[in-house]
Amino acid sequence: MTRHTLSLDLSPTEVRRVRWRRSTADLTALEPLDLPLWVACAWDLRPPGGLARQCDQRLDGALSRQVSSGRLGLAFGEVALVGAGQHLAGSHLLLLGLGAPGAFEPSQAGALGRDLADRLHKLGHTRYALEVPWLSEVSVPGASLVATDFVAAHVRRRLTLLGPAGALSVTWVLPETVHLARGRATRPGGRRRASLWPRRHHRARRVTFFRHRLKK
């Protein structure tokens, strides 16, 4: 089983403006959170996977039927708002299409995250669940880094649109095989995470302190 690490690649200032938690796509985990909106990122499959599949089952296959009839599209970047709150614990569902499975370019991740941020800003939601794409249905090398680019671009765009006083509350919908970490992602050939530095610095100060005591 492939395991991924999703690092929230944000600055300390950005981190202070974002409250987050994690959840799986299981509706029994999402429903108690009482969120107005769930965002499902779905490949163009019949039936869809991830959070979209869970919602499709709750809706007795209505999503699959609409996709098959062409009334609902899952092409890359296509967005559809499904008003089915009476069946989804009062939450609306926003479907974000990813196109054919595996058919994506890493450079598109940031653009997709920013575009979704613009749409959610127009809807006025600052509390929502967002399924992170590229981690659950297709296991490819570098998937966690692509997902990190998506998340960072989405959050930064949202905070920019909200202004200096704005804040977000996001529930990241992730498969159980994904570990959510605070800090910057470690890219091939890159530096270690900055979060290791304060620990080393603290250790160095303790050593200096004991040396001074020994000299006395």
Protein backbone atom coordinates (compact mmCIF):
# COMPACT_ATOMS: atom_id res chain seq x y z
CA MET A 1 0.00 0.00 0.00
CA THR A 2 1.48 3.33 -1.10
CA ARG A 3 1.64 5.97 1.63
CA HIS A 4 1.85 9.70 0.96
CA THR A 5 2.68 12.73 3.07
CA LEU A 6 0.75 15.91 2.36
CA SER A 7 2.57 18.94 3.75
CA LEU A 8 0.67 22.21 4.16
CA ASP A 9 3.27 24.38 2.43
CA LEU A 10 2.29 27.65 4.13
CA SER A 11 4.08 30.47 5.90
CA PRO A 12 3.60 30.97 9.69
CA THR A 13 1.37 33.98 8.98
CA GLU A 14 -0.81 31.95 6.61
CA VAL A 15 -1.01 29.06 9.07
CA ARG A 16 -2.42 31.35 11.78
CA ARG A 17 -5.31 32.31 9.47
CA VAL A 18 -6.33 28.76 8.60
CA ARG A 19 -8.06 26.30 10.91
CA TRP A 20 -8.03 22.78 9.57
CA ARG A 21 -8.81 19.20 10.41
CA ARG A 22 -8.77 16.01 8.42
CA SER A 23 -11.46 13.50 7.55
CA THR A 24 -11.97 10.52 5.30
CA ALA A 25 -14.57 10.45 2.52
CA ASP A 26 -16.88 8.45 4.77
CA LEU A 27 -20.08 10.46 5.18
CA THR A 28 -20.46 9.31 8.78
CA ALA A 29 -17.26 11.26 9.53
CA LEU A 30 -18.32 14.38 7.58
CA GLU A 31 -21.95 14.73 8.63
CA PRO A 32 -21.32 15.50 12.33
CA LEU A 33 -19.12 18.46 11.32
CA ASP A 34 -22.19 20.38 10.12
CA LEU A 35 -20.47 22.06 7.16
CA PRO A 36 -22.45 23.97 4.53
CA LEU A 37 -20.40 22.66 1.60
CA TRP A 38 -18.50 19.55 0.57
CA VAL A 39 -16.14 19.74 -2.42
CA ALA A 40 -15.51 16.43 -4.18
CA CYS A 41 -12.71 16.15 -6.76
CA ALA A 42 -13.71 13.35 -9.13
CA TRP A 43 -12.17 11.58 -12.09
CA ASP A 44 -14.41 11.05 -15.09
CA LEU A 45 -15.46 7.53 -14.07
CA ARG A 46 -18.76 5.59 -13.84
CA PRO A 47 -19.40 5.48 -10.95
CA PRO A 48 -17.13 8.22 -9.62
CA GLY A 49 -14.77 7.50 -6.74
CA GLY A 50 -13.88 9.01 -3.40
CA LEU A 51 -16.28 11.47 -1.80
CA ALA A 52 -18.32 11.70 -5.02
CA ARG A 53 -19.00 7.95 -4.84
CA GLN A 54 -20.17 8.20 -1.24
CA CYS A 55 -22.56 11.01 -2.18
CA ASP A 56 -23.70 9.14 -5.29
CA GLN A 57 -24.70 6.18 -3.16
CA ARG A 58 -26.63 8.45 -0.79
CA LEU A 59 -28.40 9.96 -3.82
CA ASP A 60 -29.33 6.52 -5.23
CA GLY A 61 -26.98 6.88 -8.20
CA ALA A 62 -28.27 10.29 -9.31
CA LEU A 63 -24.76 11.63 -9.97
CA SER A 64 -23.82 8.64 -12.14
CA ARG A 65 -27.01 8.97 -14.14
CA GLN A 66 -26.45 12.68 -14.78
CA VAL A 67 -22.84 12.08 -15.84
CA SER A 68 -23.88 9.28 -18.18
CA SER A 69 -26.61 11.45 -19.74
CA GLY A 70 -24.21 14.34 -20.28
CA ARG A 71 -26.07 16.74 -17.97
CA LEU A 72 -23.15 16.65 -15.54
CA GLY A 73 -19.55 16.80 -16.75
CA LEU A 74 -16.33 15.78 -15.06
CA ALA A 75 -13.87 17.19 -17.59
CA PHE A 76 -10.72 18.73 -16.13
CA GLY A 77 -11.63 21.92 -14.26
CA GLU A 78 -15.38 21.58 -14.80
CA VAL A 79 -17.43 22.52 -11.74
CA ALA A 80 -21.04 21.72 -10.85
CA LEU A 81 -23.00 22.65 -7.70
CA VAL A 82 -25.42 19.94 -6.62
CA GLY A 83 -28.22 21.15 -4.36
CA ALA A 84 -29.06 17.96 -2.49
CA GLY A 85 -28.85 19.14 1.09
CA GLN A 86 -31.86 17.10 2.22
CA HIS A 87 -29.90 13.93 1.39
CA LEU A 88 -26.45 15.13 2.48
CA ALA A 89 -27.02 16.28 6.05
CA GLY A 90 -27.86 19.82 4.96
CA SER A 91 -24.64 20.25 2.97
CA HIS A 92 -24.39 21.17 -0.70
CA LEU A 93 -22.01 19.28 -2.94
CA LEU A 94 -19.60 20.95 -5.34
CA LEU A 95 -18.13 18.59 -7.94
CA LEU A 96 -14.73 19.45 -9.39
CA GLY A 97 -13.87 17.40 -12.48
CA LEU A 98 -10.38 15.96 -12.95
CA GLY A 99 -10.90 14.50 -16.41
CA ALA A 100 -9.68 11.03 -17.43
CA PRO A 101 -7.80 9.11 -14.70
CA GLY A 102 -4.15 10.05 -14.61
CA ALA A 103 -4.50 12.61 -17.42
CA PHE A 104 -3.06 15.69 -15.73
CA GLU A 105 0.04 17.85 -15.75
CA PRO A 106 1.70 18.79 -12.44
CA SER A 107 1.84 22.42 -13.58
CA GLN A 108 -1.96 22.46 -13.70
CA ALA A 109 -2.35 21.72 -9.98
CA GLY A 110 -1.75 25.29 -8.82
CA ALA A 111 -4.03 26.77 -11.47
CA LEU A 112 -6.82 24.37 -10.52
CA GLY A 113 -6.44 25.22 -6.83
CA ARG A 114 -6.65 28.97 -7.53
CA ASP A 115 -9.65 28.57 -9.84
CA LEU A 116 -11.50 26.61 -7.16
CA ALA A 117 -10.64 29.32 -4.63
CA ASP A 118 -12.20 31.97 -6.90
CA ARG A 119 -15.39 29.95 -7.23
CA LEU A 120 -15.71 29.31 -3.51
CA HIS A 121 -15.10 32.98 -2.78
CA LYS A 122 -18.01 33.90 -5.03
CA LEU A 123 -20.18 31.38 -3.18
CA GLY A 124 -19.20 33.04 0.08
CA HIS A 125 -18.14 29.89 1.97
CA THR A 126 -15.24 30.02 4.43
CA ARG A 127 -16.14 26.70 6.12
CA TYR A 128 -16.10 23.63 3.89
CA ALA A 129 -14.74 20.14 3.36
CA LEU A 130 -12.37 19.77 0.41
CA GLU A 131 -11.27 16.45 -1.04
CA VAL A 132 -7.62 16.76 -2.05
CA PRO A 133 -7.18 15.44 -5.62
CA TRP A 134 -4.61 12.98 -6.99
CA LEU A 135 -4.15 10.99 -3.81
CA SER A 136 -6.96 8.45 -3.58
CA GLU A 137 -7.68 6.84 -6.95
CA VAL A 138 -4.48 7.02 -8.97
CA SER A 139 -1.14 6.26 -7.32
CA VAL A 140 1.63 7.97 -9.30
CA PRO A 141 5.16 9.10 -8.39
CA GLY A 142 5.09 12.62 -6.97
CA ALA A 143 1.34 12.62 -6.30
CA SER A 144 1.83 14.09 -2.83
CA LEU A 145 3.90 16.99 -4.22
CA VAL A 146 1.29 17.74 -6.88
CA ALA A 147 -1.44 17.68 -4.23
CA THR A 148 0.68 19.99 -2.05
CA ASP A 149 0.89 22.49 -4.92
CA PHE A 150 -2.89 22.37 -5.26
CA VAL A 151 -3.51 22.91 -1.54
CA ALA A 152 -0.97 25.73 -1.16
CA ALA A 153 -2.25 27.59 -4.23
CA HIS A 154 -5.86 27.18 -3.11
CA VAL A 155 -5.29 28.45 0.44
CA ARG A 156 -3.10 31.38 -0.59
CA ARG A 157 -5.62 32.52 -3.18
CA ARG A 158 -8.47 32.27 -0.70
CA LEU A 159 -6.60 34.27 1.94
CA THR A 160 -5.70 36.93 -0.63
CA LEU A 161 -9.34 37.29 -1.66
CA LEU A 162 -10.52 37.45 1.96
CA GLY A 163 -8.08 40.23 2.84
CA PRO A 164 -5.78 40.61 5.88
CA ALA A 165 -8.56 39.99 8.42
CA GLY A 166 -10.05 36.95 6.66
CA ALA A 167 -9.76 33.39 7.94
CA LEU A 168 -10.63 29.90 6.71
CA SER A 169 -11.86 26.70 8.31
CA VAL A 170 -11.15 23.74 6.02
CA THR A 171 -11.64 20.03 6.54
CA TRP A 172 -9.24 18.19 4.24
CA VAL A 173 -10.77 14.96 2.95
CA LEU A 174 -7.92 12.48 2.64
CA PRO A 175 -7.60 8.70 2.34
CA GLU A 176 -6.33 6.88 5.41
CA THR A 177 -2.99 6.20 3.67
CA VAL A 178 -2.15 9.93 3.62
CA HIS A 179 -0.36 11.62 6.51
CA LEU A 180 -1.08 15.32 6.97
CA ALA A 181 1.95 17.32 8.13
CA ARG A 182 2.48 20.96 9.03
CA GLY A 183 5.42 22.47 7.19
CA ARG A 184 6.95 22.52 3.75
CA ALA A 185 7.17 19.47 1.51
CA THR A 186 10.60 17.96 0.91
CA ARG A 187 11.20 17.88 -2.81
CA PRO A 188 13.87 15.72 -4.47
CA GLY A 189 17.23 17.46 -3.99
CA GLY A 190 15.69 20.08 -1.72
CA ARG A 191 16.36 20.99 1.88
CA ARG A 192 14.88 19.35 4.90
CA ARG A 193 11.78 20.89 6.39
CA ALA A 194 12.32 24.12 8.24
CA SER A 195 10.50 22.67 11.24
CA LEU A 196 13.68 20.72 12.16
CA TRP A 197 15.63 23.93 12.80
CA PRO A 198 13.92 25.12 16.02
CA ARG A 199 14.53 21.69 17.59
CA ARG A 200 18.25 21.77 16.72
CA HIS A 201 18.53 25.38 17.87
CA HIS A 202 16.95 24.49 21.22
CA ARG A 203 19.37 21.57 21.64
CA ALA A 204 22.34 23.85 20.89
CA ARG A 205 21.23 26.36 23.54
CA ARG A 206 20.96 23.60 26.16
CA VAL A 207 24.50 22.38 25.39
CA THR A 208 25.88 25.94 25.71
CA PHE A 209 24.08 26.41 29.03
CA PHE A 210 25.58 23.25 30.56
CA ARG A 211 29.05 24.17 29.32
CA HIS A 212 28.83 27.51 31.10
CA ARG A 213 27.78 25.79 34.29
CA LEU A 214 30.70 23.37 34.12
CA LYS A 215 33.19 26.24 33.75
CA LYS A 216 31.90 27.80 36.95
